[in-house]
PDB file of N, CA and C in Angstrom:
ATOM      1  N   THR A   1      44.878 143.367 -27.050  1.00  0.00           N
ATOM      2  CA  THR A   1      46.061 142.597 -26.699  1.00  0.00           C
ATOM      3  C   THR A   1      45.712 141.317 -25.953  1.00  0.00           C
ATOM      4  N   SER A   2      44.591 141.276 -25.250  1.00  0.00           N
ATOM      5  CA  SER A   2      44.258 140.051 -24.519  1.00  0.00           C
ATOM      6  C   SER A   2      44.020 138.891 -25.484  1.00  0.00           C
ATOM      7  N   GLU A   3      43.391 139.172 -26.621  1.00  0.00           N
ATOM      8  CA  GLU A   3      43.167 138.117 -27.605  1.00  0.00           C
ATOM      9  C   GLU A   3      44.493 137.607 -28.162  1.00  0.00           C
ATOM     10  N   LYS A   4      45.430 138.524 -28.405  1.00  0.00           N
ATOM     11  CA  LYS A   4      46.738 138.114 -28.923  1.00  0.00           C
ATOM     12  C   LYS A   4      47.480 137.273 -27.884  1.00  0.00           C
ATOM     13  N   MET A   5      47.415 137.690 -26.616  1.00  0.00           N
ATOM     14  CA  MET A   5      48.086 136.932 -25.565  1.00  0.00           C
ATOM     15  C   MET A   5      47.469 135.544 -25.430  1.00  0.00           C
ATOM     16  N   ALA A   6      46.144 135.455 -25.513  1.00  0.00           N
ATOM     17  CA  ALA A   6      45.478 134.149 -25.455  1.00  0.00           C
ATOM     18  C   ALA A   6      45.938 133.267 -26.612  1.00  0.00           C
ATOM     19  N   MET A   7      46.053 133.845 -27.801  1.00  0.00           N
ATOM     20  CA  MET A   7      46.530 133.087 -28.961  1.00  0.00           C
ATOM     21  C   MET A   7      47.961 132.618 -28.731  1.00  0.00           C
ATOM     22  N   GLY A   8      48.797 133.477 -28.158  1.00  0.00           N
ATOM     23  CA  GLY A   8      50.168 133.079 -27.853  1.00  0.00           C
ATOM     24  C   GLY A   8      50.216 131.877 -26.931  1.00  0.00           C
ATOM     25  N   HIS A   9      49.404 131.904 -25.873  1.00  0.00           N
ATOM     26  CA  HIS A   9      49.380 130.768 -24.943  1.00  0.00           C
ATOM     27  C   HIS A   9      48.830 129.514 -25.621  1.00  0.00           C
ATOM     28  N   TRP A  10      47.819 129.665 -26.470  1.00  0.00           N
ATOM     29  CA  TRP A  10      47.273 128.508 -27.184  1.00  0.00           C
ATOM     30  C   TRP A  10      48.323 127.905 -28.117  1.00  0.00           C
ATOM     31  N   CYS A  11      49.126 128.752 -28.751  1.00  0.00           N
ATOM     32  CA  CYS A  11      50.153 128.289 -29.698  1.00  0.00           C
ATOM     33  C   CYS A  11      51.418 127.798 -29.005  1.00  0.00           C
ATOM     34  N   ASP A  12      51.573 128.097 -27.711  1.00  0.00           N
ATOM     35  CA  ASP A  12      52.785 127.702 -26.996  1.00  0.00           C
ATOM     36  C   ASP A  12      52.948 126.182 -27.051  1.00  0.00           C
ATOM     37  N   GLY A  13      54.099 125.738 -27.537  1.00  0.00           N
ATOM     38  CA  GLY A  13      54.352 124.318 -27.730  1.00  0.00           C
ATOM     39  C   GLY A  13      53.909 123.818 -29.094  1.00  0.00           C
ATOM     40  N   ARG A  14      53.180 124.664 -29.842  1.00  0.00           N
ATOM     41  CA  ARG A  14      52.709 124.296 -31.178  1.00  0.00           C
ATOM     42  C   ARG A  14      53.379 125.116 -32.278  1.00  0.00           C
ATOM     43  N   ALA A  15      53.874 126.299 -31.931  1.00  0.00           N
ATOM     44  CA  ALA A  15      54.465 127.213 -32.919  1.00  0.00           C
ATOM     45  C   ALA A  15      55.757 127.791 -32.356  1.00  0.00           C
ATOM     46  N   SER A  16      56.644 128.176 -33.249  1.00  0.00           N
ATOM     47  CA  SER A  16      57.897 128.796 -32.825  1.00  0.00           C
ATOM     48  C   SER A  16      57.715 130.251 -32.432  1.00  0.00           C
ATOM     49  N   LEU A  17      56.723 130.930 -33.054  1.00  0.00           N
ATOM     50  CA  LEU A  17      56.591 132.368 -32.847  1.00  0.00           C
ATOM     51  C   LEU A  17      55.167 132.827 -33.122  1.00  0.00           C
ATOM     52  N   VAL A  18      54.683 133.720 -32.279  1.00  0.00           N
ATOM     53  CA  VAL A  18      53.426 134.430 -32.507  1.00  0.00           C
ATOM     54  C   VAL A  18      53.734 135.916 -32.390  1.00  0.00           C
ATOM     55  N   VAL A  19      53.472 136.663 -33.472  1.00  0.00           N
ATOM     56  CA  VAL A  19      53.704 138.108 -33.482  1.00  0.00           C
ATOM     57  C   VAL A  19      52.429 138.788 -33.938  1.00  0.00           C
ATOM     58  N   GLY A  20      51.944 139.712 -33.130  1.00  0.00           N
ATOM     59  CA  GLY A  20      50.755 140.466 -33.487  1.00  0.00           C
ATOM     60  C   GLY A  20      51.099 141.704 -34.292  1.00  0.00           C
ATOM     61  N   THR A  21      50.061 142.249 -34.907  1.00  0.00           N
ATOM     62  CA  THR A  21      50.192 143.471 -35.696  1.00  0.00           C
ATOM     63  C   THR A  21      48.977 144.349 -35.448  1.00  0.00           C
ATOM     64  N   HIS A  22      48.897 145.416 -36.123  1.00  0.00           N
ATOM     65  CA  HIS A  22      47.743 146.297 -36.281  1.00  0.00           C
ATOM     66  C   HIS A  22      47.829 147.612 -35.524  1.00  0.00           C
ATOM     67  N   THR A  23      48.384 147.654 -34.306  1.00  0.00           N
ATOM     68  CA  THR A  23      48.404 148.947 -33.619  1.00  0.00           C
ATOM     69  C   THR A  23      49.455 149.877 -34.203  1.00  0.00           C
ATOM     70  N   HIS A  24      50.411 149.335 -34.938  1.00  0.00           N
ATOM     71  CA  HIS A  24      51.498 150.089 -35.563  1.00  0.00           C
ATOM     72  C   HIS A  24      52.528 150.600 -34.562  1.00  0.00           C
ATOM     73  N   VAL A  25      52.380 150.239 -33.294  1.00  0.00           N
ATOM     74  CA  VAL A  25      53.306 150.686 -32.254  1.00  0.00           C
ATOM     75  C   VAL A  25      53.965 149.450 -31.647  1.00  0.00           C
ATOM     76  N   PRO A  26      55.308 149.368 -31.674  1.00  0.00           N
ATOM     77  CA  PRO A  26      55.953 148.182 -31.124  1.00  0.00           C
ATOM     78  C   PRO A  26      55.745 148.093 -29.614  1.00  0.00           C
ATOM     79  N   THR A  27      55.356 146.904 -29.149  1.00  0.00           N
ATOM     80  CA  THR A  27      55.178 146.691 -27.720  1.00  0.00           C
ATOM     81  C   THR A  27      56.476 146.180 -27.105  1.00  0.00           C
ATOM     82  N   ALA A  28      56.581 146.282 -25.790  1.00  0.00           N
ATOM     83  CA  ALA A  28      57.807 145.912 -25.075  1.00  0.00           C
ATOM     84  C   ALA A  28      57.616 144.612 -24.300  1.00  0.00           C
ATOM     85  N   ASP A  29      56.890 143.653 -24.878  1.00  0.00           N
ATOM     86  CA  ASP A  29      56.593 142.422 -24.154  1.00  0.00           C
ATOM     87  C   ASP A  29      57.135 141.170 -24.846  1.00  0.00           C
ATOM     88  N   ALA A  30      58.228 141.308 -25.591  1.00  0.00           N
ATOM     89  CA  ALA A  30      58.837 140.143 -26.238  1.00  0.00           C
ATOM     90  C   ALA A  30      59.248 139.146 -25.162  1.00  0.00           C
ATOM     91  N   GLN A  31      58.839 137.887 -25.348  1.00  0.00           N
ATOM     92  CA  GLN A  31      59.144 136.860 -24.357  1.00  0.00           C
ATOM     93  C   GLN A  31      59.064 135.490 -25.004  1.00  0.00           C
ATOM     94  N   ILE A  32      59.703 134.538 -24.363  1.00  0.00           N
ATOM     95  CA  ILE A  32      59.575 133.146 -24.774  1.00  0.00           C
ATOM     96  C   ILE A  32      58.696 132.467 -23.735  1.00  0.00           C
ATOM     97  N   LEU A  33      57.572 131.950 -24.185  1.00  0.00           N
ATOM     98  CA  LEU A  33      56.610 131.307 -23.295  1.00  0.00           C
ATOM     99  C   LEU A  33      57.151 129.951 -22.833  1.00  0.00           C
ATOM    100  N   PRO A  34      56.589 129.378 -21.759  1.00  0.00           N
ATOM    101  CA  PRO A  34      57.146 128.148 -21.174  1.00  0.00           C
ATOM    102  C   PRO A  34      57.307 126.975 -22.142  1.00  0.00           C
ATOM    103  N   GLY A  35      56.446 126.867 -23.149  1.00  0.00           N
ATOM    104  CA  GLY A  35      56.543 125.771 -24.116  1.00  0.00           C
ATOM    105  C   GLY A  35      57.450 126.058 -25.293  1.00  0.00           C
ATOM    106  N   GLY A  36      58.148 127.220 -25.267  1.00  0.00           N
ATOM    107  CA  GLY A  36      59.112 127.532 -26.316  1.00  0.00           C
ATOM    108  C   GLY A  36      58.594 128.375 -27.456  1.00  0.00           C
ATOM    109  N   CYS A  37      57.414 128.953 -27.314  1.00  0.00           N
ATOM    110  CA  CYS A  37      56.874 129.838 -28.353  1.00  0.00           C
ATOM    111  C   CYS A  37      57.297 131.275 -28.063  1.00  0.00           C
ATOM    112  N   GLY A  38      57.984 131.898 -29.008  1.00  0.00           N
ATOM    113  CA  GLY A  38      58.289 133.314 -28.876  1.00  0.00           C
ATOM    114  C   GLY A  38      57.009 134.112 -29.043  1.00  0.00           C
ATOM    115  N   TYR A  39      56.849 135.173 -28.270  1.00  0.00           N
ATOM    116  CA  TYR A  39      55.606 135.956 -28.306  1.00  0.00           C
ATOM    117  C   TYR A  39      55.913 137.448 -28.280  1.00  0.00           C
ATOM    118  N   LEU A  40      55.191 138.201 -29.104  1.00  0.00           N
ATOM    119  CA  LEU A  40      55.255 139.659 -29.103  1.00  0.00           C
ATOM    120  C   LEU A  40      53.879 140.175 -29.496  1.00  0.00           C
ATOM    121  N   THR A  41      53.292 141.042 -28.670  1.00  0.00           N
ATOM    122  CA  THR A  41      51.950 141.546 -28.955  1.00  0.00           C
ATOM    123  C   THR A  41      51.904 142.320 -30.260  1.00  0.00           C
ATOM    124  N   ASP A  42      52.871 143.210 -30.507  1.00  0.00           N
ATOM    125  CA  ASP A  42      52.869 143.978 -31.754  1.00  0.00           C
ATOM    126  C   ASP A  42      54.290 144.313 -32.158  1.00  0.00           C
ATOM    127  N   ALA A  43      54.659 143.941 -33.371  1.00  0.00           N
ATOM    128  CA  ALA A  43      56.006 144.199 -33.881  1.00  0.00           C
ATOM    129  C   ALA A  43      56.218 145.656 -34.244  1.00  0.00           C
ATOM    130  N   GLY A  44      55.142 146.392 -34.450  1.00  0.00           N
ATOM    131  CA  GLY A  44      55.270 147.783 -34.869  1.00  0.00           C
ATOM    132  C   GLY A  44      55.197 147.910 -36.376  1.00  0.00           C
ATOM    133  N   MET A  45      55.235 149.139 -36.808  1.00  0.00           N
ATOM    134  CA  MET A  45      55.065 149.471 -38.218  1.00  0.00           C
ATOM    135  C   MET A  45      56.425 149.593 -38.905  1.00  0.00           C
ATOM    136  N   CYS A  46      56.478 149.256 -40.161  1.00  0.00           N
ATOM    137  CA  CYS A  46      57.622 149.587 -40.998  1.00  0.00           C
ATOM    138  C   CYS A  46      57.181 150.771 -41.843  1.00  0.00           C
ATOM    139  N   GLY A  47      57.732 151.931 -41.571  1.00  0.00           N
ATOM    140  CA  GLY A  47      57.327 153.133 -42.288  1.00  0.00           C
ATOM    141  C   GLY A  47      57.778 154.378 -41.555  1.00  0.00           C
ATOM    142  N   ASP A  48      57.282 155.507 -42.001  1.00  0.00           N
ATOM    143  CA  ASP A  48      57.626 156.815 -41.446  1.00  0.00           C
ATOM    144  C   ASP A  48      56.817 157.046 -40.169  1.00  0.00           C
ATOM    145  N   TYR A  49      57.480 157.112 -39.026  1.00  0.00           N
ATOM    146  CA  TYR A  49      56.786 157.346 -37.758  1.00  0.00           C
ATOM    147  C   TYR A  49      56.447 158.814 -37.547  1.00  0.00           C
ATOM    148  N   ASN A  50      56.951 159.715 -38.385  1.00  0.00           N
ATOM    149  CA  ASN A  50      56.537 161.122 -38.342  1.00  0.00           C
ATOM    150  C   ASN A  50      55.331 161.252 -39.268  1.00  0.00           C
ATOM    151  N   SER A  51      54.258 160.545 -38.911  1.00  0.00           N
ATOM    152  CA  SER A  51      53.105 160.397 -39.790  1.00  0.00           C
ATOM    153  C   SER A  51      51.909 159.974 -38.950  1.00  0.00           C
ATOM    154  N   VAL A  52      50.814 159.683 -39.610  1.00  0.00           N
ATOM    155  CA  VAL A  52      49.666 159.040 -38.967  1.00  0.00           C
ATOM    156  C   VAL A  52      49.606 157.633 -39.552  1.00  0.00           C
ATOM    157  N   ILE A  53      50.098 156.679 -38.801  1.00  0.00           N
ATOM    158  CA  ILE A  53      50.283 155.273 -39.194  1.00  0.00           C
ATOM    159  C   ILE A  53      50.777 155.105 -40.633  1.00  0.00           C
ATOM    160  N   GLY A  54      51.821 155.847 -40.957  1.00  0.00           N
ATOM    161  CA  GLY A  54      52.477 155.714 -42.257  1.00  0.00           C
ATOM    162  C   GLY A  54      51.941 156.610 -43.352  1.00  0.00           C
ATOM    163  N   MET A  55      50.905 157.365 -43.068  1.00  0.00           N
ATOM    164  CA  MET A  55      50.310 158.266 -44.060  1.00  0.00           C
ATOM    165  C   MET A  55      50.695 159.713 -43.757  1.00  0.00           C
ATOM    166  N   ASP A  56      50.770 160.524 -44.805  1.00  0.00           N
ATOM    167  CA  ASP A  56      50.986 161.956 -44.631  1.00  0.00           C
ATOM    168  C   ASP A  56      49.957 162.473 -43.628  1.00  0.00           C
ATOM    169  N   LYS A  57      50.361 163.344 -42.719  1.00  0.00           N
ATOM    170  CA  LYS A  57      49.522 163.754 -41.590  1.00  0.00           C
ATOM    171  C   LYS A  57      48.315 164.610 -41.961  1.00  0.00           C
ATOM    172  N   LEU A  58      48.369 165.367 -43.040  1.00  0.00           N
ATOM    173  CA  LEU A  58      47.357 166.384 -43.321  1.00  0.00           C
ATOM    174  C   LEU A  58      45.938 165.821 -43.446  1.00  0.00           C
ATOM    175  N   GLU A  59      45.717 164.848 -44.309  1.00  0.00           N
ATOM    176  CA  GLU A  59      44.352 164.346 -44.526  1.00  0.00           C
ATOM    177  C   GLU A  59      43.784 163.617 -43.310  1.00  0.00           C
ATOM    178  N   PRO A  60      44.533 162.738 -42.650  1.00  0.00           N
ATOM    179  CA  PRO A  60      43.963 162.124 -41.445  1.00  0.00           C
ATOM    180  C   PRO A  60      43.594 163.154 -40.375  1.00  0.00           C
ATOM    181  N   MET A  61      44.433 164.163 -40.174  1.00  0.00           N
ATOM    182  CA  MET A  61      44.114 165.194 -39.179  1.00  0.00           C
ATOM    183  C   MET A  61      42.878 165.980 -39.594  1.00  0.00           C
ATOM    184  N   ARG A  62      42.762 166.293 -40.869  1.00  0.00           N
ATOM    185  CA  ARG A  62      41.582 167.010 -41.362  1.00  0.00           C
ATOM    186  C   ARG A  62      40.316 166.194 -41.084  1.00  0.00           C
ATOM    187  N   ARG A  63      40.371 164.901 -41.341  1.00  0.00           N
ATOM    188  CA  ARG A  63      39.205 164.042 -41.104  1.00  0.00           C
ATOM    189  C   ARG A  63      38.843 163.970 -39.622  1.00  0.00           C
ATOM    190  N   PHE A  64      39.853 163.900 -38.748  1.00  0.00           N
ATOM    191  CA  PHE A  64      39.573 163.873 -37.308  1.00  0.00           C
ATOM    192  C   PHE A  64      38.900 165.166 -36.860  1.00  0.00           C
ATOM    193  N   ILE A  65      39.376 166.283 -37.382  1.00  0.00           N
ATOM    194  CA  ILE A  65      38.862 167.591 -36.959  1.00  0.00           C
ATOM    195  C   ILE A  65      37.495 167.888 -37.554  1.00  0.00           C
ATOM    196  N   THR A  66      37.307 167.617 -38.843  1.00  0.00           N
ATOM    197  CA  THR A  66      36.056 167.996 -39.512  1.00  0.00           C
ATOM    198  C   THR A  66      35.042 166.857 -39.597  1.00  0.00           C
ATOM    199  N   GLY A  67      35.513 165.628 -39.472  1.00  0.00           N
ATOM    200  CA  GLY A  67      34.630 164.484 -39.649  1.00  0.00           C
ATOM    201  C   GLY A  67      34.299 164.198 -41.100  1.00  0.00           C
ATOM    202  N   MET A  68      34.959 164.900 -42.015  1.00  0.00           N
ATOM    203  CA  MET A  68      34.659 164.763 -43.446  1.00  0.00           C
ATOM    204  C   MET A  68      35.931 164.434 -44.228  1.00  0.00           C
ATOM    205  N   PRO A  69      35.877 163.430 -45.103  1.00  0.00           N
ATOM    206  CA  PRO A  69      37.022 163.186 -45.980  1.00  0.00           C
ATOM    207  C   PRO A  69      37.057 164.217 -47.100  1.00  0.00           C
ATOM    208  N   LYS A  70      38.257 164.590 -47.486  1.00  0.00           N
ATOM    209  CA  LYS A  70      38.415 165.511 -48.613  1.00  0.00           C
ATOM    210  C   LYS A  70      39.262 164.869 -49.704  1.00  0.00           C
ATOM    211  N   ASP A  71      40.416 164.343 -49.303  1.00  0.00           N
ATOM    212  CA  ASP A  71      41.345 163.734 -50.255  1.00  0.00           C
ATOM    213  C   ASP A  71      41.641 162.298 -49.836  1.00  0.00           C
ATOM    214  N   ARG A  72      42.335 161.601 -50.722  1.00  0.00           N
ATOM    215  CA  ARG A  72      42.820 160.262 -50.392  1.00  0.00           C
ATOM    216  C   ARG A  72      44.004 160.380 -49.442  1.00  0.00           C
ATOM    217  N   PHE A  73      44.224 159.335 -48.662  1.00  0.00           N
ATOM    218  CA  PHE A  73      45.444 159.266 -47.868  1.00  0.00           C
ATOM    219  C   PHE A  73      46.617 159.052 -48.817  1.00  0.00           C
ATOM    220  N   THR A  74      47.740 159.679 -48.524  1.00  0.00           N
ATOM    221  CA  THR A  74      48.955 159.461 -49.303  1.00  0.00           C
ATOM    222  C   THR A  74      50.059 159.014 -48.354  1.00  0.00           C
ATOM    223  N   PRO A  75      50.916 158.106 -48.792  1.00  0.00           N
ATOM    224  CA  PRO A  75      51.989 157.641 -47.918  1.00  0.00           C
ATOM    225  C   PRO A  75      52.917 158.782 -47.510  1.00  0.00           C
ATOM    226  N   ALA A  76      53.344 158.760 -46.262  1.00  0.00           N
ATOM    227  CA  ALA A  76      54.330 159.729 -45.788  1.00  0.00           C
ATOM    228  C   ALA A  76      55.656 159.450 -46.485  1.00  0.00           C
ATOM    229  N   ALA A  77      56.407 160.500 -46.740  1.00  0.00           N
ATOM    230  CA  ALA A  77      57.630 160.364 -47.530  1.00  0.00           C
ATOM    231  C   ALA A  77      58.902 160.530 -46.708  1.00  0.00           C
ATOM    232  N   GLY A  78      58.783 160.543 -45.376  1.00  0.00           N
ATOM    233  CA  GLY A  78      59.964 160.715 -44.534  1.00  0.00           C
ATOM    234  C   GLY A  78      60.755 159.430 -44.378  1.00  0.00           C
ATOM    235  N   GLU A  79      61.791 159.522 -43.550  1.00  0.00           N
ATOM    236  CA  GLU A  79      62.655 158.371 -43.314  1.00  0.00           C
ATOM    237  C   GLU A  79      61.865 157.251 -42.631  1.00  0.00           C
ATOM    238  N   ALA A  80      62.014 156.068 -43.130  1.00  0.00           N
ATOM    239  CA  ALA A  80      61.283 154.925 -42.586  1.00  0.00           C
ATOM    240  C   ALA A  80      62.028 154.296 -41.417  1.00  0.00           C
ATOM    241  N   THR A  81      61.274 153.677 -40.558  1.00  0.00           N
ATOM    242  CA  THR A  81      61.798 152.827 -39.504  1.00  0.00           C
ATOM    243  C   THR A  81      61.353 151.403 -39.815  1.00  0.00           C
ATOM    244  N   VAL A  82      62.278 150.470 -39.743  1.00  0.00           N
ATOM    245  CA  VAL A  82      61.939 149.059 -39.866  1.00  0.00           C
ATOM    246  C   VAL A  82      61.770 148.524 -38.450  1.00  0.00           C
ATOM    247  N   SER A  83      60.585 148.019 -38.142  1.00  0.00           N
ATOM    248  CA  SER A  83      60.294 147.467 -36.817  1.00  0.00           C
ATOM    249  C   SER A  83      59.976 145.988 -36.959  1.00  0.00           C
ATOM    250  N   GLY A  84      60.497 145.197 -36.048  1.00  0.00           N
ATOM    251  CA  GLY A  84      60.216 143.770 -36.099  1.00  0.00           C
ATOM    252  C   GLY A  84      60.860 143.045 -34.941  1.00  0.00           C
ATOM    253  N   VAL A  85      61.064 141.764 -35.116  1.00  0.00           N
ATOM    254  CA  VAL A  85      61.658 140.934 -34.075  1.00  0.00           C
ATOM    255  C   VAL A  85      62.532 139.876 -34.744  1.00  0.00           C
ATOM    256  N   PHE A  86      63.664 139.601 -34.122  1.00  0.00           N
ATOM    257  CA  PHE A  86      64.582 138.560 -34.586  1.00  0.00           C
ATOM    258  C   PHE A  86      64.484 137.401 -33.605  1.00  0.00           C
ATOM    259  N   VAL A  87      64.237 136.215 -34.115  1.00  0.00           N
ATOM    260  CA  VAL A  87      64.065 135.043 -33.259  1.00  0.00           C
ATOM    261  C   VAL A  87      64.997 133.928 -33.719  1.00  0.00           C
ATOM    262  N   GLU A  88      65.702 133.335 -32.772  1.00  0.00           N
ATOM    263  CA  GLU A  88      66.489 132.138 -33.056  1.00  0.00           C
ATOM    264  C   GLU A  88      65.720 130.940 -32.525  1.00  0.00           C
ATOM    265  N   THR A  89      65.755 129.849 -33.282  1.00  0.00           N
ATOM    266  CA  THR A  89      65.051 128.638 -32.867  1.00  0.00           C
ATOM    267  C   THR A  89      66.004 127.451 -32.822  1.00  0.00           C
ATOM    268  N   ASP A  90      65.644 126.479 -32.029  1.00  0.00           N
ATOM    269  CA  ASP A  90      66.378 125.225 -31.946  1.00  0.00           C
ATOM    270  C   ASP A  90      66.031 124.392 -33.182  1.00  0.00           C
ATOM    271  N   ASP A  91      67.037 123.985 -33.943  1.00  0.00           N
ATOM    272  CA  ASP A  91      66.796 123.227 -35.175  1.00  0.00           C
ATOM    273  C   ASP A  91      66.091 121.894 -34.914  1.00  0.00           C
ATOM    274  N   ARG A  92      66.313 121.320 -33.776  1.00  0.00           N
ATOM    275  CA  ARG A  92      65.729 120.015 -33.468  1.00  0.00           C
ATOM    276  C   ARG A  92      64.282 120.125 -32.996  1.00  0.00           C
ATOM    277  N   THR A  93      64.006 121.068 -32.083  1.00  0.00           N
ATOM    278  CA  THR A  93      62.667 121.156 -31.478  1.00  0.00           C
ATOM    279  C   THR A  93      61.771 122.207 -32.122  1.00  0.00           C
ATOM    280  N   GLY A  94      62.373 123.186 -32.797  1.00  0.00           N
ATOM    281  CA  GLY A  94      61.601 124.291 -33.354  1.00  0.00           C
ATOM    282  C   GLY A  94      61.238 125.349 -32.331  1.00  0.00           C
ATOM    283  N   ARG A  95      61.637 125.155 -31.090  1.00  0.00           N
ATOM    284  CA  ARG A  95      61.319 126.118 -30.038  1.00  0.00           C
ATOM    285  C   ARG A  95      62.202 127.354 -30.140  1.00  0.00           C
ATOM    286  N   ALA A  96      61.642 128.484 -29.781  1.00  0.00           N
ATOM    287  CA  ALA A  96      62.417 129.727 -29.748  1.00  0.00           C
ATOM    288  C   ALA A  96      63.454 129.629 -28.636  1.00  0.00           C
ATOM    289  N   THR A  97      64.682 130.038 -28.937  1.00  0.00           N
ATOM    290  CA  THR A  97      65.743 130.027 -27.928  1.00  0.00           C
ATOM    291  C   THR A  97      66.154 131.429 -27.523  1.00  0.00           C
ATOM    292  N   SER A  98      65.942 132.396 -28.399  1.00  0.00           N
ATOM    293  CA  SER A  98      66.215 133.796 -28.052  1.00  0.00           C
ATOM    294  C   SER A  98      65.419 134.678 -28.998  1.00  0.00           C
ATOM    295  N   MET A  99      65.140 135.865 -28.526  1.00  0.00           N
ATOM    296  CA  MET A  99      64.462 136.833 -29.394  1.00  0.00           C
ATOM    297  C   MET A  99      64.843 138.230 -28.952  1.00  0.00           C
ATOM    298  N   ARG A 100      64.894 139.120 -29.937  1.00  0.00           N
ATOM    299  CA  ARG A 100      65.182 140.522 -29.622  1.00  0.00           C
ATOM    300  C   ARG A 100      64.466 141.410 -30.627  1.00  0.00           C
ATOM    301  N   MET A 101      64.074 142.558 -30.141  1.00  0.00           N
ATOM    302  CA  MET A 101      63.383 143.535 -30.972  1.00  0.00           C
ATOM    303  C   MET A 101      64.353 144.130 -31.981  1.00  0.00           C
ATOM    304  N   VAL A 102      63.816 144.498 -33.138  1.00  0.00           N
ATOM    305  CA  VAL A 102      64.597 145.150 -34.181  1.00  0.00           C
ATOM    306  C   VAL A 102      63.911 146.470 -34.513  1.00  0.00           C
ATOM    307  N   ARG A 103      64.658 147.558 -34.433  1.00  0.00           N
ATOM    308  CA  ARG A 103      64.198 148.863 -34.912  1.00  0.00           C
ATOM    309  C   ARG A 103      65.401 149.540 -35.549  1.00  0.00           C
ATOM    310  N   ILE A 104      65.283 149.830 -36.821  1.00  0.00           N
ATOM    311  CA  ILE A 104      66.397 150.408 -37.568  1.00  0.00           C
ATOM    312  C   ILE A 104      65.906 151.637 -38.309  1.00  0.00           C
ATOM    313  N   GLY A 105      66.651 152.748 -38.183  1.00  0.00           N
ATOM    314  CA  GLY A 105      66.354 153.960 -38.939  1.00  0.00           C
ATOM    315  C   GLY A 105      65.208 154.759 -38.361  1.00  0.00           C
ATOM    316  N   GLY A 106      64.953 155.898 -38.976  1.00  0.00           N
ATOM    317  CA  GLY A 106      63.794 156.709 -38.625  1.00  0.00           C
ATOM    318  C   GLY A 106      63.841 157.345 -37.258  1.00  0.00           C
ATOM    319  N   ARG A 107      62.663 157.489 -36.646  1.00  0.00           N
ATOM    320  CA  ARG A 107      62.498 158.260 -35.423  1.00  0.00           C
ATOM    321  C   ARG A 107      62.585 157.462 -34.133  1.00  0.00           C
ATOM    322  N   LEU A 108      62.291 156.182 -34.152  1.00  0.00           N
ATOM    323  CA  LEU A 108      62.290 155.404 -32.918  1.00  0.00           C
ATOM    324  C   LEU A 108      63.707 155.069 -32.503  1.00  0.00           C
ATOM    325  N   GLU A 109      63.896 154.892 -31.213  1.00  0.00           N
ATOM    326  CA  GLU A 109      65.209 154.506 -30.698  1.00  0.00           C
ATOM    327  C   GLU A 109      65.532 153.089 -31.173  1.00  0.00           C
ATOM    328  N   PRO A 110      66.784 152.847 -31.544  1.00  0.00           N
ATOM    329  CA  PRO A 110      67.158 151.483 -31.917  1.00  0.00           C
ATOM    330  C   PRO A 110      66.920 150.537 -30.743  1.00  0.00           C
ATOM    331  N   ALA A 111      66.547 149.326 -31.043  1.00  0.00           N
ATOM    332  CA  ALA A 111      66.320 148.315 -30.011  1.00  0.00           C
ATOM    333  C   ALA A 111      67.535 147.416 -29.937  1.00  0.00           C
ATOM    334  N   GLY A 112      68.158 147.331 -28.797  1.00  0.00           N
ATOM    335  CA  GLY A 112      69.289 146.496 -28.461  1.00  0.00           C
ATOM    336  C   GLY A 112      69.898 145.606 -29.515  1.00  0.00           C
ATOM    337  N   LEU A 113      70.384 146.159 -30.596  1.00  0.00           N
ATOM    338  CA  LEU A 113      71.049 145.331 -31.610  1.00  0.00           C
ATOM    339  C   LEU A 113      72.499 145.153 -31.271  1.00  0.00           C
TER     340      LEU A 113
END
């Protein structure tokens, strides 16, 4: 996250929004930086959260326990959650004016919609 935060500060005043990915878990640090760049360390995953990062749990758990792959990963088939961020920008300056987390459906609590 420190690298993402550094990138956010570098982009502040140059970009409307910096959103990180990869951990698959939405972070609670949505903010507008002083130069008008919206920033979020991780938007989270769009997929089934009753899973191992969107995959059916059986094979990833087997690999963790045995250290050996047996089958391919298969996508989890449960209800998906859409995770992301909604950002409004000033048409004239391009700066972020407001932002809010979006989480719809699935297992995670909805985010202030």
